[in-house]
Amino acid sequence: MEAAAEAPGGPAVLSCFSYNQDCTSLAIGTTTGYRLFSLSSVEQLDQVHESNEIPDVYIVERLFSSSLVVVVSHAKPQQMNVYHFKKGTEICNYSYSSNILSIRLNRQRLVVCLEESIYIHNIKDMKLLKTILDTPPNPTGLCALSINHANSYLAYPGSATSGEIALYDGNTLKTACTIPAHDGPLAALTFNSTGSKLASASEKGTVIRVFSIPGGQKLYEFRRGMKRYVNISSLVFSMDSQFLCASSNTETVHIFKLEHLTDSRPEEPPTWSGYMGKMFQAATNYLPAQVSGMMNQDRAFATVRLNISGQRNICALSTIQKLPRLLVTTSDGHLYIYNLDPQDGGECVLIKKHSLLGSGKMEENKENDLQPPLPQSYAATVARQSSVPSTSTMPGYSEDGGALRGEVIPEHEFATGPVCLDDENEFPPIFLCRGGQPGKAKRS
């Protein structure tokens, strides 16, 4: 859910952008630092935080709506910095053997991807748990981490020449399986919110496939197009896994609906065409797998035609103010918000355009109150009405494996449970903080 932008030089030029794990926040990196926005309103884009301490940021990832943010800059591309942005303090930093290409977070794990290795940290104390060495060359840092910390599945390319997916269990720290997803090299990977499905696309960008996890069986196959190859820049599920969105370097964004057509279509009328349609569907059971698969491919349920082409962009499917929305962030520094009809699909309607590089209204103290609740069903939403830190420290890292020890981590940032943040409504929750009571947060 992130992309690096390619833009000309100048003040506060956008260099990267990413949505958080549940698409309630947008982070952007610029030549002068980074900014965080809350996505709780259509009409107003609320800036939660801005930092100019580190210039030339090319990776910025926020952990859900917590105060934990991870930043990497071009000045030190081999160093990961973990911050508590509301306190303005650095929790820790780590250096690696080569440039950091991507970072993934959930409530259990922090994953750092280099070109030929992957590092898995425990987000509770940032200790390194596992180093996956000698991975196939992965120059774009392509990987996906399930946001469901109960399984913490990690997916990354298992081959540099074919579309094989390596699936790794980030909790048991064991390989789960390999999935022969595509003929050509992979270009995009994403898990659904529960970690039970994985979507993928190859460098051709014509076919998108969805697999069951952890078994790796193919569940769906969608055709994005046949006339031209494209670079898939964004692939994302809706939070209820009913929709899958794909965007590329073209002007069209595709939204697919994950449903079994045989279960959702009404009974065909007793006509010649209806009879032939049933015969055609039955015939696919006796055809070779390659031919049958082509016949069962589903085209887009909904689309968006952007007024730009050739720019990098990322998309998100979210529920804002009780209605389903499609969000598109582009490398020219804009956020587009569209309405999506979850019943009939079709062309999505643009309802708002925001500039990300202008001055945003600071709503840091109100962000948790404005945060919309997680919808039970993405498709069903249209049917509803509408303190002084301790000086004691603890080692942040003590294992060898390519990552070097950074600065020690202040002990007050940790609890017997996950990383200690300043708001008990945030994740990670706080079980015990210095000077606080067990089960409660000590507010600063």
Protein backbone atom coordinates (compact mmCIF):
# COMPACT_ATOMS: atom_id res chain seq x y z
CA MET A 1 0.00 0.00 0.00
CA GLU A 2 2.81 2.38 -0.75
CA ALA A 3 4.60 3.86 -3.71
CA ALA A 4 7.69 5.90 -4.39
CA ALA A 5 7.05 9.00 -6.41
CA GLU A 6 9.21 10.38 -9.16
CA ALA A 7 8.94 14.15 -9.18
CA PRO A 8 11.21 17.06 -10.09
CA GLY A 9 13.21 18.86 -7.46
CA GLY A 10 11.92 21.72 -5.37
CA PRO A 11 10.62 22.51 -1.89
CA ALA A 12 8.46 19.83 -0.24
CA VAL A 13 8.35 17.59 -3.30
CA LEU A 14 6.46 14.34 -2.77
CA SER A 15 8.80 11.35 -2.71
CA CYS A 16 6.64 8.51 -1.32
CA PHE A 17 3.17 7.81 0.02
CA SER A 18 1.43 4.97 1.85
CA TYR A 19 -1.85 4.13 3.56
CA ASN A 20 -1.77 2.57 6.99
CA GLN A 21 -2.95 -1.00 7.54
CA ASP A 22 -6.70 -0.29 7.79
CA CYS A 23 -6.69 2.65 5.32
CA THR A 24 -7.67 5.22 7.94
CA SER A 25 -4.46 7.25 7.60
CA LEU A 26 -2.21 8.46 4.79
CA ALA A 27 1.52 9.07 5.19
CA ILE A 28 3.64 11.01 2.69
CA GLY A 29 7.40 11.49 2.52
CA THR A 30 8.87 14.63 1.00
CA THR A 31 12.22 16.23 0.33
CA THR A 32 11.79 18.15 3.60
CA GLY A 33 10.38 15.43 5.91
CA TYR A 34 7.08 13.58 6.26
CA ARG A 35 3.40 14.22 7.02
CA LEU A 36 0.53 12.12 8.38
CA PHE A 37 -3.13 12.68 7.49
CA SER A 38 -6.36 11.30 8.93
CA LEU A 39 -8.82 9.91 6.40
CA SER A 40 -11.96 10.33 8.50
CA SER A 41 -13.64 12.99 6.36
CA VAL A 42 -14.34 13.48 2.68
CA GLU A 43 -14.55 17.27 2.66
CA GLN A 44 -11.54 18.00 4.87
CA LEU A 45 -8.09 16.43 4.91
CA ASP A 46 -6.81 16.68 8.48
CA GLN A 47 -3.04 16.79 8.96
CA VAL A 48 -2.19 14.81 12.08
CA HIS A 49 1.56 15.40 12.21
CA GLU A 50 4.41 16.99 10.27
CA SER A 51 8.12 16.47 10.84
CA ASN A 52 11.03 18.21 9.13
CA GLU A 53 13.78 16.60 11.21
CA ILE A 54 14.75 14.07 8.55
CA PRO A 55 14.93 15.27 4.92
CA ASP A 56 14.54 13.22 1.74
CA VAL A 57 12.22 10.61 3.24
CA TYR A 58 11.50 7.76 0.82
CA ILE A 59 9.79 5.31 3.19
CA VAL A 60 7.27 6.26 5.87
CA GLU A 61 4.93 3.69 7.45
CA ARG A 62 2.51 4.24 10.32
CA LEU A 63 1.26 1.42 12.56
CA PHE A 64 -2.55 1.63 12.30
CA SER A 65 -3.59 4.88 14.10
CA SER A 66 -0.94 4.64 16.78
CA SER A 67 1.97 7.00 17.41
CA LEU A 68 4.51 4.55 16.00
CA VAL A 69 5.96 5.55 12.65
CA VAL A 70 8.92 4.11 10.73
CA VAL A 71 11.00 6.37 8.50
CA VAL A 72 13.87 5.82 6.05
CA SER A 73 15.65 8.66 4.24
CA HIS A 74 17.93 8.91 1.23
CA ALA A 75 20.57 10.43 3.51
CA LYS A 76 20.86 7.08 5.36
CA PRO A 77 19.16 4.50 3.14
CA GLN A 78 20.50 1.58 5.20
CA GLN A 79 19.04 2.88 8.48
CA MET A 80 15.51 2.38 9.80
CA ASN A 81 14.26 4.94 12.34
CA VAL A 82 11.30 4.12 14.60
CA TYR A 83 9.59 7.13 16.21
CA HIS A 84 6.89 7.93 18.74
CA PHE A 85 5.75 10.96 16.77
CA LYS A 86 3.37 12.44 19.35
CA LYS A 87 6.15 12.58 21.93
CA GLY A 88 8.70 13.58 19.34
CA THR A 89 11.08 10.84 20.49
CA GLU A 90 13.00 8.14 18.66
CA ILE A 91 12.26 4.65 19.95
CA CYS A 92 15.18 2.99 18.17
CA ASN A 93 17.08 2.74 14.92
CA TYR A 94 18.76 -0.12 13.07
CA SER A 95 21.29 -0.27 10.27
CA TYR A 96 21.39 -3.00 7.65
CA SER A 97 23.91 -4.36 5.17
CA SER A 98 22.32 -2.71 2.13
CA ASN A 99 19.62 -0.19 1.23
CA ILE A 100 16.17 -0.67 2.71
CA LEU A 101 13.61 -1.12 -0.07
CA SER A 102 10.37 -1.57 1.86
CA ILE A 103 8.96 -1.95 5.38
CA ARG A 104 5.79 -3.73 6.49
CA LEU A 105 4.07 -3.57 9.89
CA ASN A 106 1.36 -5.28 11.86
CA ARG A 107 0.66 -5.47 15.58
CA GLN A 108 3.09 -8.36 16.03
CA ARG A 109 5.86 -7.99 13.47
CA LEU A 110 7.99 -5.39 11.67
CA VAL A 111 9.47 -6.61 8.38
CA VAL A 112 12.41 -4.94 6.61
CA CYS A 113 13.01 -5.98 3.00
CA LEU A 114 16.38 -5.58 1.29
CA GLU A 115 17.18 -6.67 -2.26
CA GLU A 116 18.40 -10.15 -1.27
CA SER A 117 17.32 -10.59 2.36
CA ILE A 118 14.39 -9.99 4.71
CA TYR A 119 14.53 -9.16 8.43
CA ILE A 120 11.65 -9.95 10.80
CA HIS A 121 11.51 -7.99 14.06
CA ASN A 122 9.27 -8.45 17.08
CA ILE A 123 7.37 -5.18 17.36
CA LYS A 124 7.05 -5.66 21.13
CA ASP A 125 10.72 -4.86 21.70
CA MET A 126 12.09 -4.46 18.14
CA LYS A 127 14.42 -7.42 18.57
CA LEU A 128 15.41 -9.29 15.44
CA LEU A 129 13.68 -12.67 15.34
CA LYS A 130 14.64 -14.01 11.93
CA THR A 131 16.78 -13.19 8.93
CA ILE A 132 15.74 -14.75 5.62
CA LEU A 133 18.97 -14.73 3.64
CA ASP A 134 19.67 -15.32 -0.03
CA THR A 135 16.20 -14.51 -1.26
CA PRO A 136 15.88 -14.18 -5.06
CA PRO A 137 16.90 -10.72 -6.29
CA ASN A 138 14.04 -8.37 -5.43
CA PRO A 139 15.12 -4.90 -6.63
CA THR A 140 11.75 -3.28 -5.87
CA GLY A 141 11.44 -4.71 -2.35
CA LEU A 142 8.17 -6.42 -3.23
CA CYS A 143 6.61 -8.12 -0.21
CA ALA A 144 3.32 -8.23 1.67
CA LEU A 145 2.55 -8.79 5.35
CA SER A 146 -0.84 -9.82 6.68
CA ILE A 147 -2.22 -7.06 8.91
CA ASN A 148 -3.84 -9.80 11.01
CA HIS A 149 -1.19 -10.36 13.70
CA ALA A 150 -2.78 -13.69 14.63
CA ASN A 151 -1.10 -15.23 11.58
CA SER A 152 1.42 -12.60 10.35
CA TYR A 153 1.88 -14.30 6.98
CA LEU A 154 4.61 -12.82 4.81
CA ALA A 155 4.66 -13.16 1.01
CA TYR A 156 7.58 -12.32 -1.27
CA PRO A 157 8.92 -13.42 -4.68
CA GLY A 158 10.22 -16.97 -4.65
CA SER A 159 11.90 -16.54 -8.03
CA ALA A 160 13.39 -13.72 -10.07
CA THR A 161 12.33 -15.23 -13.38
CA SER A 162 8.88 -16.70 -12.69
CA GLY A 163 5.81 -15.68 -10.71
CA GLU A 164 6.39 -18.00 -7.77
CA ILE A 165 5.27 -16.70 -4.38
CA ALA A 166 7.09 -17.71 -1.19
CA LEU A 167 4.69 -17.77 1.78
CA TYR A 168 6.27 -17.49 5.24
CA ASP A 169 4.62 -17.68 8.67
CA GLY A 170 5.90 -14.67 10.61
CA ASN A 171 4.70 -16.05 13.95
CA THR A 172 6.12 -19.58 13.81
CA LEU A 173 9.05 -18.33 11.69
CA LYS A 174 8.67 -21.22 9.25
CA THR A 175 8.03 -21.49 5.52
CA ALA A 176 4.36 -22.20 4.86
CA CYS A 177 4.33 -23.02 1.13
CA THR A 178 5.20 -21.82 -2.35
CA ILE A 179 2.53 -20.78 -4.85
CA PRO A 180 3.12 -20.96 -8.64
CA ALA A 181 1.02 -17.86 -9.26
CA HIS A 182 2.17 -16.55 -12.67
CA ASP A 183 4.46 -17.39 -15.55
CA GLY A 184 6.33 -14.09 -15.43
CA PRO A 185 7.97 -12.27 -12.48
CA LEU A 186 5.73 -10.79 -9.80
CA ALA A 187 4.81 -7.10 -9.70
CA ALA A 188 2.24 -6.85 -6.89
CA LEU A 189 1.18 -8.76 -3.77
CA THR A 190 -1.43 -8.05 -1.11
CA PHE A 191 -3.27 -9.90 1.69
CA ASN A 192 -6.85 -9.34 2.72
CA SER A 193 -7.49 -8.08 6.26
CA THR A 194 -7.73 -11.52 7.86
CA GLY A 195 -4.76 -13.02 6.04
CA SER A 196 -6.96 -15.72 4.49
CA LYS A 197 -6.54 -14.54 0.89
CA LEU A 198 -3.57 -13.33 -1.17
CA ALA A 199 -3.84 -11.46 -4.47
CA SER A 200 -1.03 -11.21 -7.00
CA ALA A 201 -0.17 -9.75 -10.39
CA SER A 202 2.81 -10.28 -12.67
CA GLU A 203 4.89 -7.76 -14.57
CA LYS A 204 2.58 -8.18 -17.57
CA GLY A 205 -0.28 -6.87 -15.45
CA THR A 206 -3.01 -8.51 -17.52
CA VAL A 207 -4.25 -11.12 -15.03
CA ILE A 208 -4.82 -10.83 -11.28
CA ARG A 209 -5.20 -14.00 -9.23
CA VAL A 210 -6.45 -14.59 -5.69
CA PHE A 211 -5.31 -17.57 -3.62
CA SER A 212 -6.43 -19.11 -0.36
CA ILE A 213 -4.00 -18.87 2.55
CA PRO A 214 -2.19 -20.89 3.81
CA GLY A 215 -3.11 -23.61 1.29
CA GLY A 216 -2.38 -21.63 -1.87
CA GLN A 217 -5.39 -22.82 -3.91
CA LYS A 218 -6.53 -20.45 -6.66
CA LEU A 219 -9.90 -18.91 -5.80
CA TYR A 220 -10.41 -16.16 -8.39
CA GLU A 221 -8.87 -14.98 -11.63
CA PHE A 222 -9.57 -11.51 -12.99
CA ARG A 223 -8.52 -10.10 -16.35
CA ARG A 224 -7.43 -6.48 -16.13
CA GLY A 225 -6.88 -6.21 -19.87
CA MET A 226 -5.48 -7.98 -22.92
CA LYS A 227 -4.38 -5.25 -25.34
CA ARG A 228 -1.35 -3.92 -23.49
CA TYR A 229 0.97 -4.78 -20.67
CA VAL A 230 0.92 -2.43 -17.70
CA ASN A 231 2.84 -1.87 -14.48
CA ILE A 232 0.54 -2.65 -11.55
CA SER A 233 1.39 -0.07 -8.91
CA SER A 234 -1.29 -0.85 -6.33
CA LEU A 235 -3.31 -3.92 -5.35
CA VAL A 236 -5.59 -3.78 -2.31
CA PHE A 237 -8.62 -5.56 -0.81
CA SER A 238 -11.52 -3.82 0.88
CA MET A 239 -11.58 -4.48 4.63
CA ASP A 240 -14.39 -7.02 4.29
CA SER A 241 -12.63 -8.79 1.37
CA GLN A 242 -15.59 -8.32 -0.99
CA PHE A 243 -13.68 -6.09 -3.41
CA LEU A 244 -10.19 -5.98 -4.90
CA CYS A 245 -8.78 -2.82 -6.46
CA ALA A 246 -5.91 -2.61 -8.95
CA SER A 247 -4.25 0.51 -10.35
CA SER A 248 -1.38 0.87 -12.79
CA ASN A 249 0.54 3.37 -14.88
CA THR A 250 -2.51 3.77 -17.12
CA GLU A 251 -5.46 6.08 -16.55
CA THR A 252 -7.87 3.29 -15.52
CA VAL A 253 -8.40 1.87 -12.02
CA HIS A 254 -10.19 -1.48 -11.85
CA ILE A 255 -12.32 -2.77 -8.97
CA PHE A 256 -13.24 -6.46 -8.96
CA LYS A 257 -15.97 -8.09 -6.90
CA LEU A 258 -15.08 -11.35 -5.17
CA GLU A 259 -18.15 -13.48 -5.51
CA HIS A 260 -19.12 -16.79 -7.01
CA LEU A 261 -21.18 -15.87 -10.04
CA THR A 262 -23.12 -19.12 -9.92
CA ASP A 263 -24.31 -18.21 -6.43
CA SER A 264 -25.21 -14.58 -7.12
CA ARG A 265 -26.83 -14.63 -10.54
CA PRO A 266 -30.62 -15.09 -10.73
CA GLU A 267 -32.04 -18.13 -12.47
CA GLU A 268 -31.78 -17.76 -16.24
CA PRO A 269 -35.10 -17.55 -18.09
CA PRO A 270 -35.97 -20.57 -20.25
CA THR A 271 -34.63 -19.05 -23.46
CA TRP A 272 -32.27 -20.38 -26.10
CA SER A 273 -29.51 -18.00 -24.97
CA GLY A 274 -29.99 -18.98 -21.34
CA TYR A 275 -29.81 -22.66 -22.26
CA MET A 276 -26.62 -22.15 -24.27
CA GLY A 277 -25.10 -20.19 -21.40
CA LYS A 278 -25.64 -23.10 -19.03
CA MET A 279 -24.21 -25.53 -21.59
CA PHE A 280 -21.16 -23.27 -22.00
CA GLN A 281 -20.55 -23.18 -18.23
CA ALA A 282 -20.92 -26.96 -17.98
CA ALA A 283 -18.48 -27.46 -20.85
CA THR A 284 -15.70 -25.72 -18.94
CA ASN A 285 -15.57 -28.70 -16.57
CA TYR A 286 -14.31 -30.87 -19.41
CA LEU A 287 -11.82 -28.47 -20.96
CA PRO A 288 -8.08 -28.21 -20.21
CA ALA A 289 -7.34 -26.08 -17.14
CA GLN A 290 -5.76 -23.28 -19.19
CA VAL A 291 -8.80 -22.92 -21.44
CA SER A 292 -11.31 -23.29 -18.61
CA GLY A 293 -9.51 -20.65 -16.57
CA MET A 294 -9.67 -18.15 -19.42
CA MET A 295 -13.42 -18.70 -19.72
CA ASN A 296 -14.02 -18.14 -16.04
CA GLN A 297 -12.11 -14.88 -15.78
CA ASP A 298 -14.22 -11.98 -14.55
CA ARG A 299 -13.86 -8.42 -15.72
CA ALA A 300 -13.98 -5.31 -13.57
CA PHE A 301 -17.09 -4.65 -11.49
CA ALA A 302 -16.32 -0.92 -11.26
CA THR A 303 -13.78 1.44 -12.82
CA VAL A 304 -12.30 4.90 -12.54
CA ARG A 305 -10.75 6.88 -15.35
CA LEU A 306 -8.13 9.22 -13.91
CA ASN A 307 -7.36 12.50 -15.62
CA ILE A 308 -3.66 11.58 -15.54
CA SER A 309 -1.63 8.75 -17.01
CA GLY A 310 1.90 7.54 -16.47
CA GLN A 311 2.15 8.72 -12.86
CA ARG A 312 2.60 6.36 -9.96
CA ASN A 313 -0.40 6.03 -7.70
CA ILE A 314 -1.79 3.91 -4.88
CA CYS A 315 -5.39 3.09 -4.07
CA ALA A 316 -7.44 2.17 -1.03
CA LEU A 317 -10.99 0.94 -0.48
CA SER A 318 -12.35 2.40 2.71
CA THR A 319 -15.55 3.44 4.45
CA ILE A 320 -15.62 7.17 5.22
CA GLN A 321 -18.63 8.78 6.85
CA LYS A 322 -20.57 5.52 6.50
CA LEU A 323 -20.20 5.23 2.73
CA PRO A 324 -17.80 3.13 0.61
CA ARG A 325 -15.08 5.19 -1.05
CA LEU A 326 -12.21 4.64 -3.42
CA LEU A 327 -9.10 6.66 -2.55
CA VAL A 328 -6.38 7.35 -5.12
CA THR A 329 -3.13 9.08 -4.15
CA THR A 330 -0.94 10.23 -7.04
CA SER A 331 2.70 11.20 -7.32
CA ASP A 332 1.81 14.77 -8.30
CA GLY A 333 0.70 15.31 -4.68
CA HIS A 334 -3.06 14.83 -4.77
CA LEU A 335 -5.64 12.62 -3.07
CA TYR A 336 -8.78 11.82 -5.07
CA ILE A 337 -11.89 10.47 -3.33
CA TYR A 338 -14.56 8.63 -5.33
CA ASN A 339 -17.94 7.19 -4.47
CA LEU A 340 -18.35 3.49 -5.19
CA ASP A 341 -21.70 1.83 -5.79
CA PRO A 342 -21.25 -1.60 -4.15
CA GLN A 343 -24.46 -2.94 -5.67
CA ASP A 344 -24.26 -1.96 -9.33
CA GLY A 345 -20.62 -0.91 -9.76
CA GLY A 346 -19.94 0.96 -12.98
CA GLU A 347 -18.01 4.21 -13.25
CA CYS A 348 -17.06 5.66 -9.84
CA VAL A 349 -17.88 9.32 -9.28
CA LEU A 350 -15.21 11.80 -8.17
CA ILE A 351 -16.45 13.79 -5.18
CA LYS A 352 -13.31 15.45 -3.77
CA LYS A 353 -9.72 16.31 -4.66
CA HIS A 354 -7.19 17.27 -1.96
CA SER A 355 -3.69 18.71 -2.25
CA LEU A 356 -1.20 16.86 -0.03
CA LEU A 357 1.52 19.49 -0.19
CA GLY A 358 -0.56 22.44 0.94
CA SER A 359 -1.06 23.45 4.56
CA GLY A 360 -3.26 20.96 6.40
CA LYS A 361 -5.39 21.66 9.44
CA MET A 362 -3.85 20.12 12.54
CA GLU A 363 -6.30 17.79 14.27
CA GLU A 364 -3.90 15.68 16.28
CA ASN A 365 -5.88 15.75 19.51
CA LYS A 366 -9.16 14.93 17.80
CA GLU A 367 -7.97 12.12 15.59
CA ASN A 368 -9.07 9.25 17.80
CA ASP A 369 -12.53 10.82 18.21
CA LEU A 370 -12.89 11.32 14.46
CA GLN A 371 -11.74 7.81 13.61
CA PRO A 372 -14.67 5.97 11.98
CA PRO A 373 -15.47 2.51 13.35
CA LEU A 374 -14.44 -0.46 11.24
CA PRO A 375 -17.46 -1.37 9.09
CA GLN A 376 -18.92 -4.83 9.44
CA SER A 377 -19.46 -5.01 5.70
CA TYR A 378 -18.00 -2.73 3.05
CA ALA A 379 -20.82 -3.50 0.63
CA ALA A 380 -23.60 -3.07 3.17
CA THR A 381 -22.69 0.47 4.19
CA VAL A 382 -24.92 2.12 1.59
CA ALA A 383 -27.90 0.28 3.04
CA ARG A 384 -27.41 1.88 6.46
CA GLN A 385 -28.47 5.36 7.49
CA SER A 386 -26.58 7.25 6.10
CA SER A 387 5.29 12.82 32.07
CA VAL A 388 9.29 12.80 32.34
CA PRO A 389 10.84 9.78 30.62
CA SER A 390 13.01 7.41 32.61
CA THR A 391 16.71 7.56 31.89
CA SER A 392 17.14 3.79 32.24
CA THR A 393 17.62 1.91 29.00
CA MET A 394 17.61 -1.60 27.61
CA PRO A 395 19.44 -3.10 24.62
CA GLY A 396 17.51 -2.74 21.43
CA TYR A 397 19.23 -5.53 19.54
CA SER A 398 21.65 -8.27 20.46
CA GLU A 399 21.70 -10.71 17.58
CA ASP A 400 24.06 -10.99 14.64
CA GLY A 401 22.70 -11.34 11.13
CA GLY A 402 23.50 -8.25 9.12
CA ALA A 403 21.68 -5.65 11.20
CA LEU A 404 23.84 -3.50 13.44
CA ARG A 405 22.88 -2.35 16.91
CA GLY A 406 21.40 1.10 16.87
CA GLU A 407 20.89 3.40 19.82
CA VAL A 408 19.56 1.75 22.95
CA ILE A 409 15.81 1.87 23.44
CA PRO A 410 14.46 3.84 26.42
CA GLU A 411 12.94 1.37 28.87
CA HIS A 412 9.86 3.51 29.43
CA GLU A 413 8.88 2.88 25.81
CA PHE A 414 8.30 -0.78 26.60
CA ALA A 415 5.97 -2.81 28.73
CA THR A 416 5.71 -6.49 29.52
CA GLY A 417 3.53 -6.49 26.40
CA PRO A 418 3.89 -4.54 23.15
CA VAL A 419 5.60 -1.21 22.55
CA CYS A 420 4.45 1.39 25.10
CA LEU A 421 2.63 4.29 23.49
CA ASP A 422 0.90 7.20 25.12
CA ASP A 423 -2.77 6.47 24.50
CA GLU A 424 -4.57 3.36 25.69
CA ASN A 425 -6.97 3.72 22.77
CA GLU A 426 -4.06 3.24 20.38
CA PHE A 427 -2.42 -0.01 19.43
CA PRO A 428 -0.27 -1.44 20.82
CA PRO A 429 -2.13 -1.48 24.16
CA ILE A 430 -0.17 -0.86 27.33
CA PHE A 431 -0.10 -3.52 30.01
CA LEU A 432 2.49 -2.02 32.31
CA CYS A 433 4.34 1.27 32.03
CA ARG A 434 6.88 2.69 34.42
CA GLY A 435 4.98 4.68 37.03
CA GLY A 436 1.60 3.40 35.80
CA GLN A 437 -0.81 0.73 36.92
CA PRO A 438 -1.01 -2.71 35.27
CA GLY A 439 -3.63 -2.69 32.54
CA LYS A 440 -3.69 1.09 32.23
CA ALA A 441 -1.72 3.59 30.28
CA LYS A 442 0.30 6.31 31.84
CA ARG A 443 -0.54 9.44 29.88
CA SER A 444 2.16 11.96 29.33
